[in-house]
Amino acid sequence: MLSLGEIVRHIWMSETGIRRAALEGNWDYYEKRVPQGLFAILGEVKTLEAEMEQIEKTYQDTLREVAAFPLERWDEERSNEKFNIRRRVSVFLFVINEHQIHHRAQVGTYVRILTGGRASPYAL
């Protein structure tokens, strides 16, 4: 099980890796992540605040780079036989959203178990 800081770090690291694979055809993240495993690449989390700053920076980088990526190139295919991955840029980028949803639900479950409360800024 990952700590909250490790989940946040994992989210921004994988978003960066997915974005680079989609937009640049750069497979560096997968080259490390797949053979070494998640814990080997995460490193030590010092503070949750620092990880939250990095995730925000990563979001902004993704928004800026995706906005600059020509729309006519979104159907280009990215493939890597070593990792058995073959998908369009648009689908690759959509995976970032699915990954976020997965881990936000995970954090919500942790908060519920630990506090009995909801992981939501909205009062119900």
PDB file of N, CA and C in Angstrom:
ATOM      1  N   MET A   1       0.841  -1.174   0.000  1.00  0.00           N
ATOM      2  CA  MET A   1       0.000   0.000   0.000  1.00  0.00           C
ATOM      3  C   MET A   1       0.888   1.239   0.000  1.00  0.00           C
ATOM      4  N   LEU A   2       0.521   2.206  -0.783  1.00  0.00           N
ATOM      5  CA  LEU A   2       1.265   3.457  -0.888  1.00  0.00           C
ATOM      6  C   LEU A   2       0.770   4.465   0.148  1.00  0.00           C
ATOM      7  N   SER A   3       1.676   5.293   0.644  1.00  0.00           N
ATOM      8  CA  SER A   3       1.270   6.417   1.484  1.00  0.00           C
ATOM      9  C   SER A   3       0.611   7.464   0.582  1.00  0.00           C
ATOM     10  N   LEU A   4      -0.035   8.444   1.192  1.00  0.00           N
ATOM     11  CA  LEU A   4      -0.652   9.506   0.390  1.00  0.00           C
ATOM     12  C   LEU A   4       0.402  10.250  -0.424  1.00  0.00           C
ATOM     13  N   GLY A   5       1.549  10.528   0.188  1.00  0.00           N
ATOM     14  CA  GLY A   5       2.626  11.199  -0.540  1.00  0.00           C
ATOM     15  C   GLY A   5       3.120  10.374  -1.712  1.00  0.00           C
ATOM     16  N   GLU A   6       3.230   9.055  -1.518  1.00  0.00           N
ATOM     17  CA  GLU A   6       3.671   8.177  -2.606  1.00  0.00           C
ATOM     18  C   GLU A   6       2.637   8.112  -3.724  1.00  0.00           C
ATOM     19  N   ILE A   7       1.360   8.153  -3.372  1.00  0.00           N
ATOM     20  CA  ILE A   7       0.323   8.162  -4.407  1.00  0.00           C
ATOM     21  C   ILE A   7       0.441   9.435  -5.245  1.00  0.00           C
ATOM     22  N   VAL A   8       0.608  10.571  -4.581  1.00  0.00           N
ATOM     23  CA  VAL A   8       0.729  11.832  -5.306  1.00  0.00           C
ATOM     24  C   VAL A   8       1.965  11.809  -6.199  1.00  0.00           C
ATOM     25  N   ARG A   9       3.082  11.321  -5.665  1.00  0.00           N
ATOM     26  CA  ARG A   9       4.309  11.250  -6.474  1.00  0.00           C
ATOM     27  C   ARG A   9       4.097  10.321  -7.667  1.00  0.00           C
ATOM     28  N   HIS A  10       3.494   9.178  -7.432  1.00  0.00           N
ATOM     29  CA  HIS A  10       3.226   8.226  -8.508  1.00  0.00           C
ATOM     30  C   HIS A  10       2.363   8.873  -9.598  1.00  0.00           C
ATOM     31  N   ILE A  11       1.354   9.645  -9.193  1.00  0.00           N
ATOM     32  CA  ILE A  11       0.471  10.284 -10.168  1.00  0.00           C
ATOM     33  C   ILE A  11       1.249  11.238 -11.052  1.00  0.00           C
ATOM     34  N   TRP A  12       2.043  12.130 -10.454  1.00  0.00           N
ATOM     35  CA  TRP A  12       2.742  13.104 -11.313  1.00  0.00           C
ATOM     36  C   TRP A  12       3.858  12.465 -12.119  1.00  0.00           C
ATOM     37  N   MET A  13       4.525  11.461 -11.560  1.00  0.00           N
ATOM     38  CA  MET A  13       5.574  10.789 -12.329  1.00  0.00           C
ATOM     39  C   MET A  13       4.982  10.058 -13.537  1.00  0.00           C
ATOM     40  N   SER A  14       3.887   9.363 -13.311  1.00  0.00           N
ATOM     41  CA  SER A  14       3.301   8.615 -14.430  1.00  0.00           C
ATOM     42  C   SER A  14       2.670   9.561 -15.443  1.00  0.00           C
ATOM     43  N   GLU A  15       2.073  10.668 -14.977  1.00  0.00           N
ATOM     44  CA  GLU A  15       1.516  11.644 -15.931  1.00  0.00           C
ATOM     45  C   GLU A  15       2.617  12.185 -16.833  1.00  0.00           C
ATOM     46  N   THR A  16       3.754  12.493 -16.249  1.00  0.00           N
ATOM     47  CA  THR A  16       4.876  12.987 -17.043  1.00  0.00           C
ATOM     48  C   THR A  16       5.313  11.936 -18.060  1.00  0.00           C
ATOM     49  N   GLY A  17       5.418  10.685 -17.612  1.00  0.00           N
ATOM     50  CA  GLY A  17       5.836   9.608 -18.509  1.00  0.00           C
ATOM     51  C   GLY A  17       4.859   9.346 -19.630  1.00  0.00           C
ATOM     52  N   ILE A  18       3.569   9.349 -19.292  1.00  0.00           N
ATOM     53  CA  ILE A  18       2.544   9.124 -20.312  1.00  0.00           C
ATOM     54  C   ILE A  18       2.531  10.277 -21.309  1.00  0.00           C
ATOM     55  N   ARG A  19       2.610  11.506 -20.805  1.00  0.00           N
ATOM     56  CA  ARG A  19       2.622  12.683 -21.682  1.00  0.00           C
ATOM     57  C   ARG A  19       3.797  12.630 -22.646  1.00  0.00           C
ATOM     58  N   ARG A  20       4.974  12.279 -22.148  1.00  0.00           N
ATOM     59  CA  ARG A  20       6.157  12.216 -23.013  1.00  0.00           C
ATOM     60  C   ARG A  20       6.032  11.111 -24.056  1.00  0.00           C
ATOM     61  N   ALA A  21       5.482   9.980 -23.657  1.00  0.00           N
ATOM     62  CA  ALA A  21       5.288   8.900 -24.626  1.00  0.00           C
ATOM     63  C   ALA A  21       4.292   9.335 -25.702  1.00  0.00           C
ATOM     64  N   ALA A  22       3.211   9.989 -25.282  1.00  0.00           N
ATOM     65  CA  ALA A  22       2.175  10.400 -26.231  1.00  0.00           C
ATOM     66  C   ALA A  22       2.654  11.501 -27.170  1.00  0.00           C
ATOM     67  N   LEU A  23       3.234  12.539 -26.617  1.00  0.00           N
ATOM     68  CA  LEU A  23       3.563  13.712 -27.435  1.00  0.00           C
ATOM     69  C   LEU A  23       4.911  13.621 -28.126  1.00  0.00           C
ATOM     70  N   GLU A  24       5.862  12.947 -27.489  1.00  0.00           N
ATOM     71  CA  GLU A  24       7.232  12.922 -28.021  1.00  0.00           C
ATOM     72  C   GLU A  24       7.693  11.547 -28.487  1.00  0.00           C
ATOM     73  N   GLY A  25       6.916  10.498 -28.169  1.00  0.00           N
ATOM     74  CA  GLY A  25       7.384   9.144 -28.456  1.00  0.00           C
ATOM     75  C   GLY A  25       8.545   8.745 -27.548  1.00  0.00           C
ATOM     76  N   ASN A  26       8.646   9.384 -26.383  1.00  0.00           N
ATOM     77  CA  ASN A  26       9.729   9.143 -25.422  1.00  0.00           C
ATOM     78  C   ASN A  26       9.265   8.096 -24.416  1.00  0.00           C
ATOM     79  N   TRP A  27       9.930   6.955 -24.392  1.00  0.00           N
ATOM     80  CA  TRP A  27       9.530   5.817 -23.559  1.00  0.00           C
ATOM     81  C   TRP A  27      10.385   5.671 -22.301  1.00  0.00           C
ATOM     82  N   ASP A  28      11.133   6.705 -21.913  1.00  0.00           N
ATOM     83  CA  ASP A  28      12.030   6.620 -20.758  1.00  0.00           C
ATOM     84  C   ASP A  28      11.334   6.145 -19.483  1.00  0.00           C
ATOM     85  N   TYR A  29      10.150   6.675 -19.200  1.00  0.00           N
ATOM     86  CA  TYR A  29       9.426   6.277 -17.986  1.00  0.00           C
ATOM     87  C   TYR A  29       9.168   4.778 -17.980  1.00  0.00           C
ATOM     88  N   TYR A  30       8.682   4.256 -19.087  1.00  0.00           N
ATOM     89  CA  TYR A  30       8.384   2.828 -19.173  1.00  0.00           C
ATOM     90  C   TYR A  30       9.652   1.985 -19.085  1.00  0.00           C
ATOM     91  N   GLU A  31      10.746   2.503 -19.649  1.00  0.00           N
ATOM     92  CA  GLU A  31      12.024   1.780 -19.619  1.00  0.00           C
ATOM     93  C   GLU A  31      12.499   1.552 -18.192  1.00  0.00           C
ATOM     94  N   LYS A  32      12.167   2.472 -17.289  1.00  0.00           N
ATOM     95  CA  LYS A  32      12.539   2.326 -15.875  1.00  0.00           C
ATOM     96  C   LYS A  32      11.448   1.639 -15.080  1.00  0.00           C
ATOM     97  N   ARG A  33      10.227   2.090 -15.247  1.00  0.00           N
ATOM     98  CA  ARG A  33       9.095   1.632 -14.424  1.00  0.00           C
ATOM     99  C   ARG A  33       8.805   0.157 -14.590  1.00  0.00           C
ATOM    100  N   VAL A  34       8.784  -0.317 -15.814  1.00  0.00           N
ATOM    101  CA  VAL A  34       8.377  -1.704 -16.053  1.00  0.00           C
ATOM    102  C   VAL A  34       9.380  -2.705 -15.469  1.00  0.00           C
ATOM    103  N   PRO A  35      10.659  -2.605 -15.788  1.00  0.00           N
ATOM    104  CA  PRO A  35      11.556  -3.628 -15.234  1.00  0.00           C
ATOM    105  C   PRO A  35      11.873  -3.442 -13.746  1.00  0.00           C
ATOM    106  N   GLN A  36      11.923  -2.194 -13.271  1.00  0.00           N
ATOM    107  CA  GLN A  36      12.332  -1.952 -11.889  1.00  0.00           C
ATOM    108  C   GLN A  36      11.183  -2.006 -10.888  1.00  0.00           C
ATOM    109  N   GLY A  37       9.984  -1.735 -11.338  1.00  0.00           N
ATOM    110  CA  GLY A  37       8.840  -1.701 -10.441  1.00  0.00           C
ATOM    111  C   GLY A  37       8.618  -0.311  -9.864  1.00  0.00           C
ATOM    112  N   LEU A  38       7.437  -0.112  -9.324  1.00  0.00           N
ATOM    113  CA  LEU A  38       7.033   1.203  -8.835  1.00  0.00           C
ATOM    114  C   LEU A  38       7.902   1.699  -7.685  1.00  0.00           C
ATOM    115  N   PHE A  39       8.113   0.875  -6.673  1.00  0.00           N
ATOM    116  CA  PHE A  39       8.855   1.345  -5.506  1.00  0.00           C
ATOM    117  C   PHE A  39      10.298   1.706  -5.834  1.00  0.00           C
ATOM    118  N   ALA A  40      10.867   1.057  -6.811  1.00  0.00           N
ATOM    119  CA  ALA A  40      12.251   1.346  -7.191  1.00  0.00           C
ATOM    120  C   ALA A  40      12.401   2.732  -7.808  1.00  0.00           C
ATOM    121  N   ILE A  41      11.362   3.236  -8.451  1.00  0.00           N
ATOM    122  CA  ILE A  41      11.489   4.537  -9.112  1.00  0.00           C
ATOM    123  C   ILE A  41      10.895   5.689  -8.307  1.00  0.00           C
ATOM    124  N   LEU A  42      10.071   5.395  -7.304  1.00  0.00           N
ATOM    125  CA  LEU A  42       9.412   6.466  -6.556  1.00  0.00           C
ATOM    126  C   LEU A  42      10.385   7.333  -5.770  1.00  0.00           C
ATOM    127  N   GLY A  43      11.339   6.720  -5.118  1.00  0.00           N
ATOM    128  CA  GLY A  43      12.233   7.487  -4.261  1.00  0.00           C
ATOM    129  C   GLY A  43      11.535   7.860  -2.963  1.00  0.00           C
ATOM    130  N   GLU A  44      12.220   8.650  -2.165  1.00  0.00           N
ATOM    131  CA  GLU A  44      11.698   9.020  -0.852  1.00  0.00           C
ATOM    132  C   GLU A  44      10.862  10.291  -0.932  1.00  0.00           C
ATOM    133  N   VAL A  45       9.698  10.237  -0.354  1.00  0.00           N
ATOM    134  CA  VAL A  45       8.819  11.396  -0.269  1.00  0.00           C
ATOM    135  C   VAL A  45       9.181  12.141   1.010  1.00  0.00           C
ATOM    136  N   LYS A  46       9.559  13.402   0.859  1.00  0.00           N
ATOM    137  CA  LYS A  46       9.934  14.230   2.026  1.00  0.00           C
ATOM    138  C   LYS A  46       8.698  14.828   2.682  1.00  0.00           C
ATOM    139  N   THR A  47       7.873  15.521   1.865  1.00  0.00           N
ATOM    140  CA  THR A  47       6.654  16.119   2.409  1.00  0.00           C
ATOM    141  C   THR A  47       5.527  16.013   1.398  1.00  0.00           C
ATOM    142  N   LEU A  48       4.332  15.894   1.915  1.00  0.00           N
ATOM    143  CA  LEU A  48       3.157  15.871   1.049  1.00  0.00           C
ATOM    144  C   LEU A  48       3.015  17.212   0.331  1.00  0.00           C
ATOM    145  N   GLU A  49       3.355  18.296   1.019  1.00  0.00           N
ATOM    146  CA  GLU A  49       3.254  19.630   0.412  1.00  0.00           C
ATOM    147  C   GLU A  49       4.130  19.742  -0.835  1.00  0.00           C
ATOM    148  N   ALA A  50       5.355  19.241  -0.760  1.00  0.00           N
ATOM    149  CA  ALA A  50       6.258  19.295  -1.919  1.00  0.00           C
ATOM    150  C   ALA A  50       5.697  18.477  -3.079  1.00  0.00           C
ATOM    151  N   GLU A  51       5.107  17.341  -2.773  1.00  0.00           N
ATOM    152  CA  GLU A  51       4.523  16.494  -3.823  1.00  0.00           C
ATOM    153  C   GLU A  51       3.307  17.177  -4.439  1.00  0.00           C
ATOM    154  N   MET A  52       2.528  17.875  -3.617  1.00  0.00           N
ATOM    155  CA  MET A  52       1.367  18.593  -4.134  1.00  0.00           C
ATOM    156  C   MET A  52       1.804  19.741  -5.041  1.00  0.00           C
ATOM    157  N   GLU A  53       2.885  20.404  -4.708  1.00  0.00           N
ATOM    158  CA  GLU A  53       3.415  21.460  -5.589  1.00  0.00           C
ATOM    159  C   GLU A  53       3.869  20.865  -6.922  1.00  0.00           C
ATOM    160  N   GLN A  54       4.518  19.703  -6.855  1.00  0.00           N
ATOM    161  CA  GLN A  54       5.003  19.067  -8.083  1.00  0.00           C
ATOM    162  C   GLN A  54       3.845  18.567  -8.948  1.00  0.00           C
ATOM    163  N   ILE A  55       2.800  18.054  -8.320  1.00  0.00           N
ATOM    164  CA  ILE A  55       1.667  17.577  -9.119  1.00  0.00           C
ATOM    165  C   ILE A  55       0.996  18.753  -9.823  1.00  0.00           C
ATOM    166  N   GLU A  56       0.912  19.901  -9.160  1.00  0.00           N
ATOM    167  CA  GLU A  56       0.336  21.085  -9.800  1.00  0.00           C
ATOM    168  C   GLU A  56       1.206  21.538 -10.966  1.00  0.00           C
ATOM    169  N   LYS A  57       2.512  21.546 -10.779  1.00  0.00           N
ATOM    170  CA  LYS A  57       3.434  21.903 -11.863  1.00  0.00           C
ATOM    171  C   LYS A  57       3.264  20.947 -13.038  1.00  0.00           C
ATOM    172  N   THR A  58       3.139  19.663 -12.735  1.00  0.00           N
ATOM    173  CA  THR A  58       2.964  18.654 -13.776  1.00  0.00           C
ATOM    174  C   THR A  58       1.663  18.883 -14.532  1.00  0.00           C
ATOM    175  N   TYR A  59       0.565  19.174 -13.810  1.00  0.00           N
ATOM    176  CA  TYR A  59      -0.713  19.470 -14.468  1.00  0.00           C
ATOM    177  C   TYR A  59      -0.543  20.628 -15.445  1.00  0.00           C
ATOM    178  N   GLN A  60       0.105  21.685 -14.990  1.00  0.00           N
ATOM    179  CA  GLN A  60       0.277  22.872 -15.829  1.00  0.00           C
ATOM    180  C   GLN A  60       1.149  22.561 -17.052  1.00  0.00           C
ATOM    181  N   ASP A  61       2.206  21.789 -16.843  1.00  0.00           N
ATOM    182  CA  ASP A  61       3.052  21.375 -17.966  1.00  0.00           C
ATOM    183  C   ASP A  61       2.241  20.582 -18.991  1.00  0.00           C
ATOM    184  N   THR A  62       1.419  19.654 -18.496  1.00  0.00           N
ATOM    185  CA  THR A  62       0.594  18.843 -19.395  1.00  0.00           C
ATOM    186  C   THR A  62      -0.381  19.715 -20.165  1.00  0.00           C
ATOM    187  N   LEU A  63      -1.067  20.599 -19.477  1.00  0.00           N
ATOM    188  CA  LEU A  63      -2.021  21.483 -20.159  1.00  0.00           C
ATOM    189  C   LEU A  63      -1.341  22.324 -21.231  1.00  0.00           C
ATOM    190  N   ARG A  64      -0.195  22.884 -20.899  1.00  0.00           N
ATOM    191  CA  ARG A  64       0.531  23.733 -21.849  1.00  0.00           C
ATOM    192  C   ARG A  64       1.009  22.924 -23.061  1.00  0.00           C
ATOM    193  N   GLU A  65       1.600  21.763 -22.812  1.00  0.00           N
ATOM    194  CA  GLU A  65       2.152  20.963 -23.915  1.00  0.00           C
ATOM    195  C   GLU A  65       1.057  20.360 -24.793  1.00  0.00           C
ATOM    196  N   VAL A  66      -0.040  19.931 -24.183  1.00  0.00           N
ATOM    197  CA  VAL A  66      -1.136  19.367 -24.964  1.00  0.00           C
ATOM    198  C   VAL A  66      -1.805  20.459 -25.798  1.00  0.00           C
ATOM    199  N   ALA A  67      -1.963  21.644 -25.236  1.00  0.00           N
ATOM    200  CA  ALA A  67      -2.557  22.759 -25.984  1.00  0.00           C
ATOM    201  C   ALA A  67      -1.698  23.131 -27.191  1.00  0.00           C
ATOM    202  N   ALA A  68      -0.393  22.993 -27.066  1.00  0.00           N
ATOM    203  CA  ALA A  68       0.516  23.342 -28.164  1.00  0.00           C
ATOM    204  C   ALA A  68       0.651  22.219 -29.189  1.00  0.00           C
ATOM    205  N   PHE A  69       0.195  21.030 -28.853  1.00  0.00           N
ATOM    206  CA  PHE A  69       0.319  19.884 -29.764  1.00  0.00           C
ATOM    207  C   PHE A  69      -0.739  20.007 -30.854  1.00  0.00           C
ATOM    208  N   PRO A  70      -0.342  19.969 -32.115  1.00  0.00           N
ATOM    209  CA  PRO A  70      -1.304  20.178 -33.215  1.00  0.00           C
ATOM    210  C   PRO A  70      -2.441  19.155 -33.214  1.00  0.00           C
ATOM    211  N   LEU A  71      -3.648  19.653 -33.310  1.00  0.00           N
ATOM    212  CA  LEU A  71      -4.836  18.810 -33.288  1.00  0.00           C
ATOM    213  C   LEU A  71      -4.804  17.730 -34.370  1.00  0.00           C
ATOM    214  N   GLU A  72      -4.256  18.057 -35.522  1.00  0.00           N
ATOM    215  CA  GLU A  72      -4.218  17.067 -36.612  1.00  0.00           C
ATOM    216  C   GLU A  72      -3.280  15.894 -36.298  1.00  0.00           C
ATOM    217  N   ARG A  73      -2.476  15.998 -35.242  1.00  0.00           N
ATOM    218  CA  ARG A  73      -1.565  14.909 -34.875  1.00  0.00           C
ATOM    219  C   ARG A  73      -2.124  14.000 -33.786  1.00  0.00           C
ATOM    220  N   TRP A  74      -3.306  14.303 -33.261  1.00  0.00           N
ATOM    221  CA  TRP A  74      -3.872  13.531 -32.166  1.00  0.00           C
ATOM    222  C   TRP A  74      -4.213  12.093 -32.555  1.00  0.00           C
ATOM    223  N   ASP A  75      -4.360  11.823 -33.841  1.00  0.00           N
ATOM    224  CA  ASP A  75      -4.638  10.455 -34.288  1.00  0.00           C
ATOM    225  C   ASP A  75      -3.373   9.672 -34.637  1.00  0.00           C
ATOM    226  N   GLU A  76      -2.219  10.286 -34.482  1.00  0.00           N
ATOM    227  CA  GLU A  76      -0.965   9.553 -34.709  1.00  0.00           C
ATOM    228  C   GLU A  76      -0.880   8.394 -33.726  1.00  0.00           C
ATOM    229  N   GLU A  77      -0.251   7.340 -34.179  1.00  0.00           N
ATOM    230  CA  GLU A  77      -0.100   6.164 -33.328  1.00  0.00           C
ATOM    231  C   GLU A  77       1.272   6.157 -32.677  1.00  0.00           C
ATOM    232  N   ARG A  78       1.290   5.780 -31.417  1.00  0.00           N
ATOM    233  CA  ARG A  78       2.536   5.548 -30.695  1.00  0.00           C
ATOM    234  C   ARG A  78       2.573   4.063 -30.380  1.00  0.00           C
ATOM    235  N   SER A  79       3.675   3.442 -30.699  1.00  0.00           N
ATOM    236  CA  SER A  79       3.776   2.014 -30.419  1.00  0.00           C
ATOM    237  C   SER A  79       5.158   1.668 -29.900  1.00  0.00           C
ATOM    238  N   ASN A  80       5.176   0.638 -29.077  1.00  0.00           N
ATOM    239  CA  ASN A  80       6.412   0.120 -28.539  1.00  0.00           C
ATOM    240  C   ASN A  80       6.225  -1.382 -28.376  1.00  0.00           C
ATOM    241  N   GLU A  81       6.912  -2.123 -29.200  1.00  0.00           N
ATOM    242  CA  GLU A  81       6.772  -3.584 -29.188  1.00  0.00           C
ATOM    243  C   GLU A  81       7.226  -4.189 -27.858  1.00  0.00           C
ATOM    244  N   LYS A  82       8.276  -3.636 -27.282  1.00  0.00           N
ATOM    245  CA  LYS A  82       8.813  -4.155 -26.017  1.00  0.00           C
ATOM    246  C   LYS A  82       7.750  -4.161 -24.919  1.00  0.00           C
ATOM    247  N   PHE A  83       6.917  -3.127 -24.881  1.00  0.00           N
ATOM    248  CA  PHE A  83       5.899  -3.011 -23.844  1.00  0.00           C
ATOM    249  C   PHE A  83       4.509  -3.387 -24.336  1.00  0.00           C
ATOM    250  N   ASN A  84       4.430  -3.846 -25.571  1.00  0.00           N
ATOM    251  CA  ASN A  84       3.173  -4.260 -26.176  1.00  0.00           C
ATOM    252  C   ASN A  84       2.134  -3.137 -26.100  1.00  0.00           C
ATOM    253  N   ILE A  85       2.572  -1.945 -26.433  1.00  0.00           N
ATOM    254  CA  ILE A  85       1.696  -0.778 -26.416  1.00  0.00           C
ATOM    255  C   ILE A  85       1.559  -0.253 -27.843  1.00  0.00           C
ATOM    256  N   ARG A  86       0.311  -0.046 -28.222  1.00  0.00           N
ATOM    257  CA  ARG A  86       0.001   0.533 -29.532  1.00  0.00           C
ATOM    258  C   ARG A  86      -1.295   1.320 -29.348  1.00  0.00           C
ATOM    259  N   ARG A  87      -1.158   2.663 -29.318  1.00  0.00           N
ATOM    260  CA  ARG A  87      -2.359   3.483 -29.164  1.00  0.00           C
ATOM    261  C   ARG A  87      -2.155   4.862 -29.767  1.00  0.00           C
ATOM    262  N   ARG A  88      -3.273   5.492 -30.069  1.00  0.00           N
ATOM    263  CA  ARG A  88      -3.233   6.847 -30.611  1.00  0.00           C
ATOM    264  C   ARG A  88      -2.868   7.835 -29.502  1.00  0.00           C
ATOM    265  N   VAL A  89      -2.333   8.969 -29.912  1.00  0.00           N
ATOM    266  CA  VAL A  89      -1.969  10.033 -28.968  1.00  0.00           C
ATOM    267  C   VAL A  89      -3.179  10.394 -28.111  1.00  0.00           C
ATOM    268  N   SER A  90      -4.334  10.575 -28.719  1.00  0.00           N
ATOM    269  CA  SER A  90      -5.537  10.974 -27.974  1.00  0.00           C
ATOM    270  C   SER A  90      -5.895   9.961 -26.896  1.00  0.00           C
ATOM    271  N   VAL A  91      -5.769   8.691 -27.200  1.00  0.00           N
ATOM    272  CA  VAL A  91      -6.087   7.644 -26.224  1.00  0.00           C
ATOM    273  C   VAL A  91      -5.045   7.643 -25.109  1.00  0.00           C
ATOM    274  N   PHE A  92      -3.794   7.794 -25.463  1.00  0.00           N
ATOM    275  CA  PHE A  92      -2.724   7.887 -24.472  1.00  0.00           C
ATOM    276  C   PHE A  92      -3.020   9.008 -23.478  1.00  0.00           C
ATOM    277  N   LEU A  93      -3.401  10.169 -24.004  1.00  0.00           N
ATOM    278  CA  LEU A  93      -3.677  11.307 -23.126  1.00  0.00           C
ATOM    279  C   LEU A  93      -4.910  11.064 -22.264  1.00  0.00           C
ATOM    280  N   PHE A  94      -5.891  10.356 -22.796  1.00  0.00           N
ATOM    281  CA  PHE A  94      -7.082  10.031 -22.008  1.00  0.00           C
ATOM    282  C   PHE A  94      -6.718   9.138 -20.825  1.00  0.00           C
ATOM    283  N   VAL A  95      -5.702   8.312 -20.977  1.00  0.00           N
ATOM    284  CA  VAL A  95      -5.255   7.425 -19.899  1.00  0.00           C
ATOM    285  C   VAL A  95      -4.839   8.232 -18.669  1.00  0.00           C
ATOM    286  N   ILE A  96      -4.311   9.436 -18.883  1.00  0.00           N
ATOM    287  CA  ILE A  96      -3.952  10.291 -17.748  1.00  0.00           C
ATOM    288  C   ILE A  96      -5.187  10.542 -16.884  1.00  0.00           C
ATOM    289  N   ASN A  97      -6.318  10.830 -17.507  1.00  0.00           N
ATOM    290  CA  ASN A  97      -7.560  11.062 -16.758  1.00  0.00           C
ATOM    291  C   ASN A  97      -8.005   9.824 -16.003  1.00  0.00           C
ATOM    292  N   GLU A  98      -7.976   8.684 -16.666  1.00  0.00           N
ATOM    293  CA  GLU A  98      -8.390   7.444 -16.014  1.00  0.00           C
ATOM    294  C   GLU A  98      -7.504   7.124 -14.813  1.00  0.00           C
ATOM    295  N   HIS A  99      -6.221   7.374 -14.955  1.00  0.00           N
ATOM    296  CA  HIS A  99      -5.281   7.116 -13.865  1.00  0.00           C
ATOM    297  C   HIS A  99      -5.577   8.031 -12.679  1.00  0.00           C
ATOM    298  N   GLN A 100      -5.869   9.306 -12.957  1.00  0.00           N
ATOM    299  CA  GLN A 100      -6.243  10.263 -11.909  1.00  0.00           C
ATOM    300  C   GLN A 100      -7.494   9.788 -11.168  1.00  0.00           C
ATOM    301  N   ILE A 101      -8.493   9.390 -11.916  1.00  0.00           N
ATOM    302  CA  ILE A 101      -9.752   8.932 -11.318  1.00  0.00           C
ATOM    303  C   ILE A 101      -9.499   7.743 -10.404  1.00  0.00           C
ATOM    304  N   HIS A 102      -8.722   6.797 -10.870  1.00  0.00           N
ATOM    305  CA  HIS A 102      -8.413   5.606 -10.083  1.00  0.00           C
ATOM    306  C   HIS A 102      -7.796   5.995  -8.737  1.00  0.00           C
ATOM    307  N   HIS A 103      -6.788   6.853  -8.768  1.00  0.00           N
ATOM    308  CA  HIS A 103      -6.090   7.182  -7.520  1.00  0.00           C
ATOM    309  C   HIS A 103      -6.875   8.147  -6.637  1.00  0.00           C
ATOM    310  N   ARG A 104      -7.694   9.004  -7.199  1.00  0.00           N
ATOM    311  CA  ARG A 104      -8.554   9.855  -6.377  1.00  0.00           C
ATOM    312  C   ARG A 104      -9.562   8.997  -5.617  1.00  0.00           C
ATOM    313  N   ALA A 105     -10.085   7.974  -6.264  1.00  0.00           N
ATOM    314  CA  ALA A 105     -10.998   7.046  -5.584  1.00  0.00           C
ATOM    315  C   ALA A 105     -10.257   6.293  -4.484  1.00  0.00           C
ATOM    316  N   GLN A 106      -9.038   5.904  -4.754  1.00  0.00           N
ATOM    317  CA  GLN A 106      -8.225   5.206  -3.750  1.00  0.00           C
ATOM    318  C   GLN A 106      -8.024   6.099  -2.522  1.00  0.00           C
ATOM    319  N   VAL A 107      -7.656   7.357  -2.742  1.00  0.00           N
ATOM    320  CA  VAL A 107      -7.449   8.296  -1.632  1.00  0.00           C
ATOM    321  C   VAL A 107      -8.764   8.509  -0.880  1.00  0.00           C
ATOM    322  N   GLY A 108      -9.858   8.632  -1.610  1.00  0.00           N
ATOM    323  CA  GLY A 108     -11.160   8.786  -0.961  1.00  0.00           C
ATOM    324  C   GLY A 108     -11.490   7.610  -0.063  1.00  0.00           C
ATOM    325  N   THR A 109     -11.157   6.418  -0.506  1.00  0.00           N
ATOM    326  CA  THR A 109     -11.384   5.218   0.295  1.00  0.00           C
ATOM    327  C   THR A 109     -10.520   5.244   1.551  1.00  0.00           C
ATOM    328  N   TYR A 110      -9.252   5.615   1.401  1.00  0.00           N
ATOM    329  CA  TYR A 110      -8.357   5.710   2.564  1.00  0.00           C
ATOM    330  C   TYR A 110      -8.898   6.698   3.591  1.00  0.00           C
ATOM    331  N   VAL A 111      -9.307   7.866   3.119  1.00  0.00           N
ATOM    332  CA  VAL A 111      -9.811   8.895   4.032  1.00  0.00           C
ATOM    333  C   VAL A 111     -11.052   8.388   4.748  1.00  0.00           C
ATOM    334  N   ARG A 112     -11.924   7.731   4.030  1.00  0.00           N
ATOM    335  CA  ARG A 112     -13.148   7.181   4.627  1.00  0.00           C
ATOM    336  C   ARG A 112     -12.819   6.154   5.707  1.00  0.00           C
ATOM    337  N   ILE A 113     -11.894   5.261   5.419  1.00  0.00           N
ATOM    338  CA  ILE A 113     -11.508   4.231   6.380  1.00  0.00           C
ATOM    339  C   ILE A 113     -10.869   4.859   7.620  1.00  0.00           C
ATOM    340  N   LEU A 114      -9.978   5.825   7.396  1.00  0.00           N
ATOM    341  CA  LEU A 114      -9.230   6.424   8.501  1.00  0.00           C
ATOM    342  C   LEU A 114     -10.049   7.381   9.361  1.00  0.00           C
ATOM    343  N   THR A 115     -10.971   8.117   8.733  1.00  0.00           N
ATOM    344  CA  THR A 115     -11.668   9.182   9.468  1.00  0.00           C
ATOM    345  C   THR A 115     -13.176   8.979   9.568  1.00  0.00           C
ATOM    346  N   GLY A 116     -13.724   8.142   8.722  1.00  0.00           N
ATOM    347  CA  GLY A 116     -15.176   8.013   8.660  1.00  0.00           C
ATOM    348  C   GLY A 116     -15.818   9.131   7.854  1.00  0.00           C
ATOM    349  N   GLY A 117     -14.993  10.096   7.435  1.00  0.00           N
ATOM    350  CA  GLY A 117     -15.492  11.235   6.671  1.00  0.00           C
ATOM    351  C   GLY A 117     -15.307  11.037   5.183  1.00  0.00           C
ATOM    352  N   ARG A 118     -15.696  12.049   4.448  1.00  0.00           N
ATOM    353  CA  ARG A 118     -15.565  12.024   2.988  1.00  0.00           C
ATOM    354  C   ARG A 118     -14.370  12.829   2.560  1.00  0.00           C
ATOM    355  N   ALA A 119     -13.739  12.414   1.491  1.00  0.00           N
ATOM    356  CA  ALA A 119     -12.608  13.173   0.906  1.00  0.00           C
ATOM    357  C   ALA A 119     -13.181  14.117  -0.139  1.00  0.00           C
ATOM    358  N   SER A 120     -13.903  15.122   0.337  1.00  0.00           N
ATOM    359  CA  SER A 120     -14.540  16.046  -0.578  1.00  0.00           C
ATOM    360  C   SER A 120     -14.555  17.445   0.034  1.00  0.00           C
ATOM    361  N   PRO A 121     -14.300  18.450  -0.781  1.00  0.00           N
ATOM    362  CA  PRO A 121     -14.396  19.824  -0.266  1.00  0.00           C
ATOM    363  C   PRO A 121     -15.839  20.301  -0.193  1.00  0.00           C
ATOM    364  N   TYR A 122     -16.782  19.512  -0.672  1.00  0.00           N
ATOM    365  CA  TYR A 122     -18.182  19.915  -0.738  1.00  0.00           C
ATOM    366  C   TYR A 122     -18.986  19.313   0.416  1.00  0.00           C
ATOM    367  N   ALA A 123     -19.693  20.147   1.132  1.00  0.00           N
ATOM    368  CA  ALA A 123     -20.555  19.671   2.220  1.00  0.00           C
ATOM    369  C   ALA A 123     -21.823  19.076   1.625  1.00  0.00           C
ATOM    370  N   LEU A 124     -22.236  17.946   2.157  1.00  0.00           N
ATOM    371  CA  LEU A 124     -23.503  17.343   1.716  1.00  0.00           C
ATOM    372  C   LEU A 124     -24.480  17.291   2.850  1.00  0.00           C
TER     373      LEU A 124
END
